């Protein structure tokens, strides 16, 4: 068995959520905000992958065979996606107000185009970029 240390720094975002630690498709443990745990990984998992997950999104996979005894892994949230992206969500109703207001600030066709580009970018970030919300860093 190999022993590794998992560390999650205190974060102002995702502070009420726990990060689920997966080995393969099995849950190994959970990390709360600011928590550090030492875990033992059984030898039967040496060819598996390691991943952190929160709700439907998570981190890139890390190969367990690349980890050595007493490695420390820092699991943190992506600051841009977790802090800045909600402000882009606030643009959705503002764009709607600009498009459908009685005083046409911008042309409706241009506004609808901007809204569609915004929606495609948002859906792309939530689906294609779903494995970039958390970061694993070997120390």
C-alpha atoms as a PDB file:
ATOM      1  CA  UNK A   1       0.000   0.000   0.000  1.00  0.00           C
ATOM      2  CA  UNK A   2       1.135   3.499  -0.850  1.00  0.00           C
ATOM      3  CA  UNK A   3       0.340   6.396   1.415  1.00  0.00           C
ATOM      4  CA  UNK A   4      -0.389   9.798  -0.130  1.00  0.00           C
ATOM      5  CA  UNK A   5      -1.551  13.080   1.351  1.00  0.00           C
ATOM      6  CA  UNK A   6      -4.493  14.989  -0.114  1.00  0.00           C
ATOM      7  CA  UNK A   7      -4.762  18.693   0.659  1.00  0.00           C
ATOM      8  CA  UNK A   8      -7.572  21.084  -0.179  1.00  0.00           C
ATOM      9  CA  UNK A   9      -6.770  24.717   0.620  1.00  0.00           C
ATOM     10  CA  UNK A  10      -9.403  27.000   2.124  1.00  0.00           C
ATOM     11  CA  UNK A  11     -11.391  28.544  -0.716  1.00  0.00           C
ATOM     12  CA  UNK A  12     -14.093  31.183  -0.649  1.00  0.00           C
ATOM     13  CA  UNK A  13     -15.851  29.497  -3.581  1.00  0.00           C
ATOM     14  CA  UNK A  14     -17.118  25.914  -3.293  1.00  0.00           C
ATOM     15  CA  UNK A  15     -16.732  26.249   0.476  1.00  0.00           C
ATOM     16  CA  UNK A  16     -19.979  24.419   1.212  1.00  0.00           C
ATOM     17  CA  UNK A  17     -19.265  21.549  -1.186  1.00  0.00           C
ATOM     18  CA  UNK A  18     -17.101  18.514  -0.593  1.00  0.00           C
ATOM     19  CA  UNK A  19     -14.705  17.247  -3.246  1.00  0.00           C
ATOM     20  CA  UNK A  20     -15.231  13.576  -3.952  1.00  0.00           C
ATOM     21  CA  UNK A  21     -11.990  11.653  -4.575  1.00  0.00           C
ATOM     22  CA  UNK A  22     -12.375   8.838  -7.099  1.00  0.00           C
ATOM     23  CA  UNK A  23     -10.016   5.992  -7.933  1.00  0.00           C
ATOM     24  CA  UNK A  24     -11.274   4.458 -11.148  1.00  0.00           C
ATOM     25  CA  UNK A  25     -15.035   4.675 -10.731  1.00  0.00           C
ATOM     26  CA  UNK A  26     -15.020   4.079  -6.966  1.00  0.00           C
ATOM     27  CA  UNK A  27     -15.233   6.800  -4.335  1.00  0.00           C
ATOM     28  CA  UNK A  28     -12.182   6.675  -2.087  1.00  0.00           C
ATOM     29  CA  UNK A  29     -12.869   9.619   0.236  1.00  0.00           C
ATOM     30  CA  UNK A  30     -14.238  13.158   0.432  1.00  0.00           C
ATOM     31  CA  UNK A  31     -12.433  16.410   1.227  1.00  0.00           C
ATOM     32  CA  UNK A  32     -14.063  19.394   2.900  1.00  0.00           C
ATOM     33  CA  UNK A  33     -12.888  22.994   2.590  1.00  0.00           C
ATOM     34  CA  UNK A  34      -9.410  23.420   4.133  1.00  0.00           C
ATOM     35  CA  UNK A  35      -9.044  19.726   4.945  1.00  0.00           C
ATOM     36  CA  UNK A  36      -5.965  17.518   4.622  1.00  0.00           C
ATOM     37  CA  UNK A  37      -6.074  13.716   4.691  1.00  0.00           C
ATOM     38  CA  UNK A  38      -3.520  10.945   4.456  1.00  0.00           C
ATOM     39  CA  UNK A  39      -4.880   7.930   2.625  1.00  0.00           C
ATOM     40  CA  UNK A  40      -3.534   4.537   1.747  1.00  0.00           C
ATOM     41  CA  UNK A  41      -4.028   3.284  -1.772  1.00  0.00           C
ATOM     42  CA  UNK A  42      -4.230  -0.509  -2.061  1.00  0.00           C
ATOM     43  CA  UNK A  43      -1.862  -2.193  -4.526  1.00  0.00           C
ATOM     44  CA  UNK A  44      -4.823  -3.450  -6.561  1.00  0.00           C
ATOM     45  CA  UNK A  45      -5.450   0.172  -7.678  1.00  0.00           C
ATOM     46  CA  UNK A  46      -1.904   0.798  -8.998  1.00  0.00           C
ATOM     47  CA  UNK A  47      -3.048   0.863 -12.652  1.00  0.00           C
ATOM     48  CA  UNK A  48      -6.145   2.991 -12.013  1.00  0.00           C
ATOM     49  CA  UNK A  49      -6.641   6.746 -12.440  1.00  0.00           C
ATOM     50  CA  UNK A  50      -7.191   9.311  -9.717  1.00  0.00           C
ATOM     51  CA  UNK A  51      -9.727  12.147 -10.067  1.00  0.00           C
ATOM     52  CA  UNK A  52     -11.480  14.788  -7.962  1.00  0.00           C
ATOM     53  CA  UNK A  53     -15.146  15.498  -8.559  1.00  0.00           C
ATOM     54  CA  UNK A  54     -17.740  18.016  -7.400  1.00  0.00           C
ATOM     55  CA  UNK A  55     -21.339  17.675  -8.566  1.00  0.00           C
ATOM     56  CA  UNK A  56     -21.228  16.893 -12.321  1.00  0.00           C
ATOM     57  CA  UNK A  57     -17.826  18.418 -13.041  1.00  0.00           C
ATOM     58  CA  UNK A  58     -14.329  17.602 -11.861  1.00  0.00           C
ATOM     59  CA  UNK A  59     -10.634  17.480 -12.634  1.00  0.00           C
ATOM     60  CA  UNK A  60      -8.361  15.889 -15.187  1.00  0.00           C
ATOM     61  CA  UNK A  61      -7.322  12.317 -14.426  1.00  0.00           C
ATOM     62  CA  UNK A  62      -3.979  11.526 -12.815  1.00  0.00           C
ATOM     63  CA  UNK A  63      -2.319   8.117 -13.160  1.00  0.00           C
ATOM     64  CA  UNK A  64      -1.736   6.409  -9.814  1.00  0.00           C
ATOM     65  CA  UNK A  65       1.333   4.614 -11.145  1.00  0.00           C
ATOM     66  CA  UNK A  66       3.043   8.039 -11.423  1.00  0.00           C
ATOM     67  CA  UNK A  67       2.622   8.664  -7.688  1.00  0.00           C
ATOM     68  CA  UNK A  68       5.285   7.612  -5.219  1.00  0.00           C
ATOM     69  CA  UNK A  69       5.204   6.991  -1.489  1.00  0.00           C
ATOM     70  CA  UNK A  70       4.333  10.089   0.607  1.00  0.00           C
ATOM     71  CA  UNK A  71       3.408  12.314  -2.343  1.00  0.00           C
ATOM     72  CA  UNK A  72       1.240  15.331  -1.593  1.00  0.00           C
ATOM     73  CA  UNK A  73      -1.564  16.237  -3.979  1.00  0.00           C
ATOM     74  CA  UNK A  74      -3.195  19.644  -3.792  1.00  0.00           C
ATOM     75  CA  UNK A  75      -6.787  19.733  -5.030  1.00  0.00           C
ATOM     76  CA  UNK A  76      -8.116  23.227  -5.712  1.00  0.00           C
ATOM     77  CA  UNK A  77     -10.836  24.872  -7.742  1.00  0.00           C
ATOM     78  CA  UNK A  78     -10.217  26.695 -11.000  1.00  0.00           C
ATOM     79  CA  UNK A  79     -10.438  30.345  -9.955  1.00  0.00           C
ATOM     80  CA  UNK A  80     -11.649  31.644 -13.326  1.00  0.00           C
ATOM     81  CA  UNK A  81     -14.440  29.100 -13.742  1.00  0.00           C
ATOM     82  CA  UNK A  82     -15.558  29.220 -10.114  1.00  0.00           C
ATOM     83  CA  UNK A  83     -15.261  32.964  -9.459  1.00  0.00           C
ATOM     84  CA  UNK A  84     -15.652  34.776 -12.767  1.00  0.00           C
ATOM     85  CA  UNK A  85     -18.100  32.593 -14.700  1.00  0.00           C
ATOM     86  CA  UNK A  86     -21.119  33.467 -12.491  1.00  0.00           C
ATOM     87  CA  UNK A  87     -20.651  37.119 -13.530  1.00  0.00           C
ATOM     88  CA  UNK A  88     -20.943  36.059 -17.166  1.00  0.00           C
ATOM     89  CA  UNK A  89     -24.241  34.425 -16.205  1.00  0.00           C
ATOM     90  CA  UNK A  90     -25.472  37.846 -15.121  1.00  0.00           C
ATOM     91  CA  UNK A  91     -24.991  39.026 -18.710  1.00  0.00           C
ATOM     92  CA  UNK A  92     -27.811  36.754 -19.894  1.00  0.00           C
ATOM     93  CA  UNK A  93     -30.710  38.844 -18.524  1.00  0.00           C
ATOM     94  CA  UNK A  94     -28.906  42.092 -19.359  1.00  0.00           C
ATOM     95  CA  UNK A  95     -28.572  41.003 -22.987  1.00  0.00           C
ATOM     96  CA  UNK A  96     -32.282  40.174 -23.030  1.00  0.00           C
ATOM     97  CA  UNK A  97     -33.149  43.618 -21.705  1.00  0.00           C
ATOM     98  CA  UNK A  98     -31.005  45.256 -24.372  1.00  0.00           C
ATOM     99  CA  UNK A  99     -32.602  43.190 -27.150  1.00  0.00           C
ATOM    100  CA  UNK A 100     -36.256  43.399 -26.172  1.00  0.00           C
ATOM    101  CA  UNK A 101     -36.486  46.850 -24.567  1.00  0.00           C
ATOM    102  CA  UNK A 102     -38.816  49.401 -26.100  1.00  0.00           C
ATOM    103  CA  UNK A 103     -35.870  51.685 -26.858  1.00  0.00           C
ATOM    104  CA  UNK A 104     -33.827  49.532 -29.190  1.00  0.00           C
ATOM    105  CA  UNK A 105     -30.295  50.005 -27.876  1.00  0.00           C
ATOM    106  CA  UNK A 106     -28.973  47.538 -30.431  1.00  0.00           C
ATOM    107  CA  UNK A 107     -30.569  45.868 -33.420  1.00  0.00           C
ATOM    108  CA  UNK A 108     -32.595  42.780 -32.516  1.00  0.00           C
ATOM    109  CA  UNK A 109     -30.714  40.635 -35.047  1.00  0.00           C
ATOM    110  CA  UNK A 110     -27.338  41.650 -33.624  1.00  0.00           C
ATOM    111  CA  UNK A 111     -28.628  41.146 -30.083  1.00  0.00           C
ATOM    112  CA  UNK A 112     -29.967  37.680 -30.843  1.00  0.00           C
ATOM    113  CA  UNK A 113     -26.612  36.819 -32.455  1.00  0.00           C
ATOM    114  CA  UNK A 114     -24.759  37.961 -29.335  1.00  0.00           C
ATOM    115  CA  UNK A 115     -27.158  35.969 -27.156  1.00  0.00           C
ATOM    116  CA  UNK A 116     -26.651  32.803 -29.239  1.00  0.00           C
ATOM    117  CA  UNK A 117     -22.840  33.135 -29.092  1.00  0.00           C
ATOM    118  CA  UNK A 118     -23.106  33.635 -25.341  1.00  0.00           C
ATOM    119  CA  UNK A 119     -25.307  30.534 -24.922  1.00  0.00           C
ATOM    120  CA  UNK A 120     -23.029  28.350 -27.075  1.00  0.00           C
ATOM    121  CA  UNK A 121     -20.016  29.506 -25.023  1.00  0.00           C
ATOM    122  CA  UNK A 122     -21.808  28.813 -21.747  1.00  0.00           C
ATOM    123  CA  UNK A 123     -22.985  25.342 -22.799  1.00  0.00           C
ATOM    124  CA  UNK A 124     -19.503  24.556 -24.152  1.00  0.00           C
ATOM    125  CA  UNK A 125     -17.897  25.570 -20.864  1.00  0.00           C
ATOM    126  CA  UNK A 126     -20.313  23.459 -18.840  1.00  0.00           C
ATOM    127  CA  UNK A 127     -20.008  20.354 -21.019  1.00  0.00           C
ATOM    128  CA  UNK A 128     -16.701  20.277 -22.886  1.00  0.00           C
ATOM    129  CA  UNK A 129     -14.771  21.982 -20.091  1.00  0.00           C
ATOM    130  CA  UNK A 130     -16.348  19.981 -17.289  1.00  0.00           C
ATOM    131  CA  UNK A 131     -13.019  18.357 -16.376  1.00  0.00           C
ATOM    132  CA  UNK A 132     -11.292  21.688 -15.854  1.00  0.00           C
ATOM    133  CA  UNK A 133     -13.246  22.972 -12.825  1.00  0.00           C
ATOM    134  CA  UNK A 134     -10.872  21.388 -10.326  1.00  0.00           C
ATOM    135  CA  UNK A 135      -7.087  21.186 -10.489  1.00  0.00           C
ATOM    136  CA  UNK A 136      -4.811  18.403  -9.238  1.00  0.00           C
ATOM    137  CA  UNK A 137      -1.237  19.429  -8.509  1.00  0.00           C
ATOM    138  CA  UNK A 138       1.456  17.016  -7.362  1.00  0.00           C
ATOM    139  CA  UNK A 139       3.842  18.548  -4.868  1.00  0.00           C
END
